[in-house]
Protein backbone atom coordinates (compact mmCIF):
# COMPACT_ATOMS: atom_id res chain seq x y z
CA MET A 1 148.92 113.66 191.02
CA SER A 2 145.92 114.00 192.49
CA ILE A 3 144.00 117.39 192.78
CA PRO A 4 140.78 117.25 194.82
CA LEU A 5 137.77 117.90 193.19
CA PHE A 6 135.86 120.78 195.11
CA ALA A 7 132.76 118.61 195.79
CA GLY A 8 131.35 120.85 198.58
CA GLU A 9 128.46 122.83 197.96
CA PRO A 10 128.40 126.81 198.65
CA ASP A 11 127.17 127.38 202.16
CA PRO A 12 124.69 130.02 202.19
CA ARG A 13 126.03 131.52 205.29
CA SER A 14 129.24 131.91 203.80
CA SER A 15 128.10 133.80 201.19
CA LEU A 16 130.26 136.60 200.34
CA SER A 17 127.62 138.96 197.90
CA ALA A 18 124.05 138.56 197.54
CA ASN A 19 124.43 138.26 193.62
CA GLY A 20 123.97 134.02 194.44
CA SER A 21 125.05 130.97 195.42
CA GLY A 22 124.05 127.38 195.50
CA PRO A 23 126.05 124.12 193.99
CA ALA A 24 126.64 124.60 190.31
CA GLN A 25 124.32 123.03 187.60
CA ARG A 26 124.87 121.40 184.36
CA ASP A 27 122.34 119.35 182.73
CA GLY A 28 119.67 119.32 185.74
CA LYS A 29 123.27 117.98 187.96
CA GLU A 30 125.86 119.28 189.96
CA ALA A 31 128.73 120.13 187.29
CA ARG A 32 132.34 118.74 188.13
CA ALA A 33 135.52 120.73 187.19
CA VAL A 34 136.58 120.71 183.66
CA ILE A 35 139.95 121.15 184.41
CA GLU A 36 141.74 122.08 187.38
CA ALA A 37 145.41 123.68 187.75
CA ARG A 38 147.91 123.77 190.89
CA ILE A 39 150.16 126.59 190.14
CA ASP A 40 153.53 126.32 192.05
CA THR A 41 154.62 129.55 193.48
CA ARG A 42 158.05 129.12 193.85
CA ARG A 43 158.89 127.50 190.33
CA PRO A 44 157.71 128.21 186.73
CA ARG A 45 155.31 124.60 187.36
CA LEU A 46 151.85 123.64 187.26
CA GLU A 47 149.47 120.81 186.74
CA LEU A 48 146.87 120.32 185.31
CA ARG A 49 143.29 117.32 185.52
CA LEU A 50 141.24 117.77 183.36
CA GLU A 51 138.02 115.61 181.87
CA ALA A 52 139.20 113.04 179.36
CA ASP A 53 137.04 115.17 176.33
CA LYS A 54 138.68 116.39 173.41
CA ASP A 55 137.04 120.10 173.73
CA ARG A 56 139.64 120.23 176.96
CA LEU A 57 142.46 120.18 174.61
CA PRO A 58 142.39 124.01 173.75
CA LEU A 59 142.43 124.52 178.18
CA VAL A 60 145.73 122.60 177.96
CA ARG A 61 147.17 124.67 175.12
CA GLN A 62 146.05 127.81 176.50
CA ALA A 63 148.06 126.49 179.67
CA LEU A 64 151.12 125.55 178.39
CA ARG A 65 151.16 129.01 176.07
CA ALA A 66 150.75 130.81 179.36
CA LEU A 67 153.76 129.32 181.38
CA ALA A 68 156.13 128.98 178.23
CA GLN A 69 155.64 132.97 177.42
CA ALA A 70 155.93 133.70 180.77
CA THR A 71 159.46 131.82 181.20
CA GLY A 72 160.51 132.95 177.69
CA THR A 73 160.00 130.20 175.56
CA GLY A 74 160.38 131.44 171.89
CA ALA A 75 157.33 130.77 169.55
CA GLU A 76 159.11 127.66 167.51
CA GLU A 77 159.59 125.91 170.86
CA LEU A 78 156.33 126.96 172.15
CA HIS A 79 154.91 125.76 168.36
CA ASP A 80 156.34 122.03 168.46
CA ALA A 81 155.70 122.01 172.62
CA GLU A 82 151.90 122.49 171.31
CA LEU A 83 151.94 120.10 169.08
CA ALA A 84 153.46 117.38 171.44
CA VAL A 85 151.98 117.73 174.26
CA THR A 86 147.94 118.20 172.39
CA GLU A 87 149.10 114.67 170.47
CA ALA A 88 150.15 112.80 174.11
CA CYS A 89 146.64 114.23 175.59
CA ALA A 90 144.39 113.09 172.52
CA ASN A 91 146.00 109.84 172.46
CA ALA A 92 145.00 109.47 175.95
CA ILE A 93 141.35 110.64 175.29
CA GLN A 94 140.81 108.80 172.87
CA HIS A 95 142.18 105.31 174.00
CA ALA A 96 142.92 105.21 177.75
CA TYR A 97 139.13 105.12 178.48
CA ARG A 98 136.79 102.36 176.87
CA HIS A 99 133.66 104.30 177.75
CA GLY A 100 135.01 107.72 177.84
CA ASN A 101 134.59 108.69 181.53
CA GLY A 102 138.00 109.92 183.30
CA PHE A 103 140.66 112.17 183.62
CA VAL A 104 144.13 113.18 181.96
CA ASP A 105 146.83 114.94 184.66
CA VAL A 106 149.27 117.32 182.97
CA THR A 107 152.32 117.75 184.76
CA ILE A 108 154.38 121.15 182.82
CA GLU A 109 157.60 122.32 184.14
CA ALA A 110 159.91 125.29 182.57
CA ARG A 111 163.37 125.21 183.38
CA ALA A 112 166.48 125.96 181.23
CA ALA A 113 166.29 125.72 177.60
CA GLU A 114 163.89 122.92 178.35
CA LEU A 115 159.89 122.41 178.48
CA LEU A 116 159.62 118.65 181.05
CA VAL A 117 156.32 117.60 180.16
CA HIS A 118 154.09 113.94 181.75
CA VAL A 119 151.00 113.32 180.54
CA ARG A 120 149.47 110.74 182.72
CA ASP A 121 145.79 108.63 182.26
CA ALA A 122 144.48 105.89 184.80
CA GLY A 123 143.01 103.77 181.62
CA LYS A 124 143.58 100.45 179.98
CA GLY A 125 147.22 100.70 179.56
CA MET A 126 149.05 99.15 176.09
CA ARG A 127 151.39 96.10 176.35
CA ASP A 128 153.56 97.85 173.75
CA PRO A 129 153.18 101.42 172.67
CA TRP A 130 156.86 101.23 170.53
CA ASN A 131 155.83 98.03 167.86
CA ASP A 132 154.45 98.44 164.56
CA ARG A 133 150.74 97.97 165.19
CA GLY A 134 151.17 100.80 168.16
CA ARG A 135 151.68 103.20 165.05
CA LYS A 136 150.06 102.30 162.79
CA SER A 137 146.80 102.91 164.65
CA GLY A 138 147.74 107.04 165.36
CA LEU A 139 148.96 107.05 168.40
CA GLY A 140 151.18 110.05 167.13
CA LEU A 141 154.28 108.64 168.70
CA THR A 142 156.38 109.79 165.45
CA VAL A 143 155.10 113.18 166.39
CA MET A 144 155.94 113.58 169.63
CA GLU A 145 159.67 111.76 168.56
CA SER A 146 160.63 114.06 165.89
CA VAL A 147 160.18 117.25 168.20
CA ALA A 148 160.84 116.24 171.45
CA ARG A 149 164.44 116.27 172.74
CA GLU A 150 163.49 112.88 174.79
CA VAL A 151 160.35 110.41 174.91
CA GLU A 152 160.10 107.58 177.55
CA ILE A 153 156.31 106.15 177.53
CA ARG A 154 155.86 104.17 180.33
CA SER A 155 152.63 102.32 180.70
CA GLU A 156 150.89 98.82 182.15
CA ARG A 157 147.71 96.92 181.08
CA GLY A 158 144.75 97.81 183.60
CA VAL A 159 146.92 100.55 185.56
CA GLY A 160 147.28 103.55 182.79
CA THR A 161 149.98 105.20 180.64
CA GLU A 162 152.40 108.17 180.97
CA VAL A 163 154.13 109.93 178.87
CA VAL A 164 157.46 111.71 179.74
CA MET A 165 158.56 114.30 177.62
CA ALA A 166 161.88 116.44 177.14
CA LEU A 167 160.98 119.67 174.65
CA PRO A 168 162.71 122.31 173.70
CA GLY A 169 161.95 125.51 176.18
CA PRO A 170 162.97 128.88 177.36
CA ASP A 171 165.87 130.85 176.32
CA PRO A 172 168.27 130.45 179.02
CA GLU A 173 168.73 133.79 179.14
CA ARG A 174 165.62 135.35 179.23
CA PHE A 175 165.14 132.37 181.81
CA GLU A 176 167.33 133.78 183.67
CA HIS A 177 165.74 136.80 184.16
CA ALA A 178 162.43 135.85 183.66
CA ASP A 179 160.25 137.00 186.77
CA THR A 180 157.57 133.84 187.35
CA SER A 181 156.47 134.75 191.02
CA GLY A 182 153.09 136.14 190.08
CA ALA A 183 153.49 136.18 186.10
CA VAL A 184 152.30 132.29 185.71
CA ALA A 185 149.23 132.20 187.82
CA GLU A 186 148.16 135.57 186.33
CA GLN A 187 148.64 134.22 182.64
CA VAL A 188 147.81 130.65 182.99
CA VAL A 189 144.17 132.04 184.61
CA ARG A 190 143.70 134.57 182.47
CA ARG A 191 143.80 132.14 179.36
CA LEU A 192 141.74 129.63 181.08
CA VAL A 193 138.99 131.66 182.02
CA ALA A 194 138.45 133.21 179.06
CA MET A 195 139.01 129.63 176.81
CA ALA A 196 136.08 128.28 179.05
CA ALA A 197 134.17 131.73 178.77
CA ALA A 198 134.35 131.33 174.92
CA GLN A 199 133.72 127.37 174.92
CA ALA A 200 130.28 128.59 176.93
CA ASP A 201 129.42 131.04 174.24
CA MET A 202 129.16 133.91 176.54
CA PRO A 203 129.02 137.39 174.95
CA PRO A 204 132.29 139.21 174.61
CA ALA A 205 131.36 142.05 176.82
CA ARG A 206 130.83 139.17 179.52
CA VAL A 207 134.12 137.46 178.51
CA THR A 208 135.83 140.73 179.41
CA GLU A 209 134.20 141.01 182.45
CA ALA A 210 135.28 138.28 183.65
CA LEU A 211 138.77 138.20 182.65
CA LEU A 212 139.39 141.79 184.86
CA ALA A 213 137.18 140.15 187.94
CA ALA A 214 139.88 136.74 187.56
CA GLU A 215 142.78 138.93 187.42
CA LEU A 216 141.88 140.79 189.95
CA ILE A 217 141.53 137.72 192.34
CA VAL A 218 144.66 136.45 191.44
CA ARG A 219 146.68 139.03 191.45
CA HIS A 220 145.57 139.17 195.55
CA VAL A 221 145.39 135.67 196.13
CA PRO A 222 149.23 134.40 195.88
CA GLU A 223 150.00 136.34 199.34
CA LYS A 224 147.13 134.86 201.18
CA VAL A 225 147.46 130.66 199.86
CA THR A 226 147.93 128.41 202.38
CA GLY A 227 151.16 126.30 201.13
CA ASP A 228 153.09 126.52 197.81
CA CYS A 229 150.49 126.20 195.23
CA ILE A 230 147.32 128.33 194.09
CA THR A 231 144.75 125.53 193.15
CA VAL A 232 142.28 126.71 190.38
CA ALA A 233 139.29 125.42 189.38
CA LEU A 234 137.10 125.85 186.40
CA THR A 235 133.20 124.60 185.82
CA ARG A 236 130.55 125.16 183.12
CA ILE A 237 127.78 125.66 184.81
CA VAL A 238 123.92 125.49 182.63
CA ASP A 239 124.53 129.24 181.67
CA GLY A 240 128.12 130.34 182.28
CA ILE A 241 131.55 129.53 184.12
CA GLU A 242 132.74 129.06 187.87
CA LEU A 243 136.07 130.04 189.11
CA ARG A 244 137.14 129.02 192.29
CA VAL A 245 140.85 129.53 193.73
CA GLY A 246 142.28 129.05 196.80
CA PRO A 247 143.55 127.17 199.11
CA LEU A 248 143.11 130.16 201.40
CA PRO A 249 142.82 130.54 205.53
CA SER A 250 139.64 131.09 206.67
CA ASP A 251 138.29 134.78 206.34
CA GLY A 252 140.92 134.39 203.31
CA ALA A 253 138.37 135.03 200.48
CA THR A 254 136.65 138.07 202.50
CA GLU A 255 140.25 139.65 202.28
CA VAL A 256 141.30 139.29 199.23
CA LEU A 257 137.82 140.88 198.12
CA ALA A 258 138.87 143.62 200.01
CA GLU A 259 141.80 144.15 198.96
CA ALA A 260 140.82 143.77 195.19
CA ASP A 261 138.78 146.82 195.46
CA VAL A 262 139.18 149.27 193.40
CA PRO A 263 139.41 153.16 194.82
CA MET A 264 136.31 155.07 194.15
CA VAL A 265 135.05 152.21 192.54
CA GLY A 266 134.80 149.46 195.12
CA SER A 267 134.66 146.27 194.45
CA VAL A 268 134.62 145.24 190.85
CA ILE A 269 134.63 141.15 191.59
CA GLU A 270 131.32 141.43 192.32
CA ARG A 271 130.02 143.85 190.53
CA PHE A 272 130.70 141.54 187.63
CA ALA A 273 130.31 138.81 189.18
CA ASP A 274 126.48 136.78 189.78
CA GLY A 275 127.99 135.24 192.68
CA VAL A 276 130.70 135.15 194.91
CA TRP A 277 130.82 133.37 198.22
CA ALA A 278 133.70 131.64 200.24
CA ALA A 279 133.45 128.07 199.43
CA ARG A 280 134.62 124.86 201.67
CA ASP A 281 135.76 121.46 200.06
CA ASP A 282 135.63 118.16 201.99
CA PHE A 283 138.91 117.75 202.40
CA GLY A 284 140.36 120.25 204.99
CA PRO A 285 139.47 123.38 206.45
CA ASP A 286 140.48 125.70 203.83
CA GLU A 287 138.64 128.11 201.64
CA GLN A 288 138.36 128.70 198.00
CA LEU A 289 137.07 132.29 196.67
CA ALA A 290 134.28 130.75 194.46
CA VAL A 291 132.96 133.52 191.58
CA ARG A 292 130.24 132.63 189.02
CA PHE A 293 129.73 134.65 185.59
CA LYS A 294 126.51 133.83 183.68
CA ALA A 295 126.54 134.85 179.87
């Protein structure tokens, strides 16, 4: 999987509000997204890309919970899935990259009675992840084996490692009747924004406002996206967070804002946000609706 980072700087000419634009800043430099998600609108499946940083693990767990609960996964199955996915991601973060600079890609797909998970890195790889030395080094393979129905590890020195796990998942009957058309996207975005805002030490009132704005955005985005996936990027800035959602056609960001207006109230999104603009990346003509929330 390759999810392009939203690297383009906001264009002041495309600003949708006067509350602010300009590139996200972190420690004086342009910030990179701490997590990106690609949410499939046709089936309960999502792809994540995160920095190889242990602080990103709670974001992965929140995304997993959102998908699992929206598709009818029970509490015990979800607990086991969280344990296995956390272990696989933690292994990649700790062992894959010599200098800590890199990304971990996670794909989660819900099926009847099963959660299929892929965790990939492009790090140094392993010669034999199943040998005794690997087990004793804390790779956590025994933990994954204990909760997963199947575990497969593909690794090559200098190329990277991929862990594939088939985990107990949704109850088949609940899965069959689950309405996942918009529920997955709404739950994933809500949980990611809440966790990112909490990690940015935003006060509870601002977290609530960010959640309300994010929910309104994602409620109106699915019918506008160009393609079959909703892309989401969350960036940590010096004094808050930045959310980008797309891909949208030209003027799609403006249309989402207009449709999200609340009668007698107006644009809740622009009222709560410290910046709203139509952002474009370097990979095509599509837009993202970008929203910034400061503490």
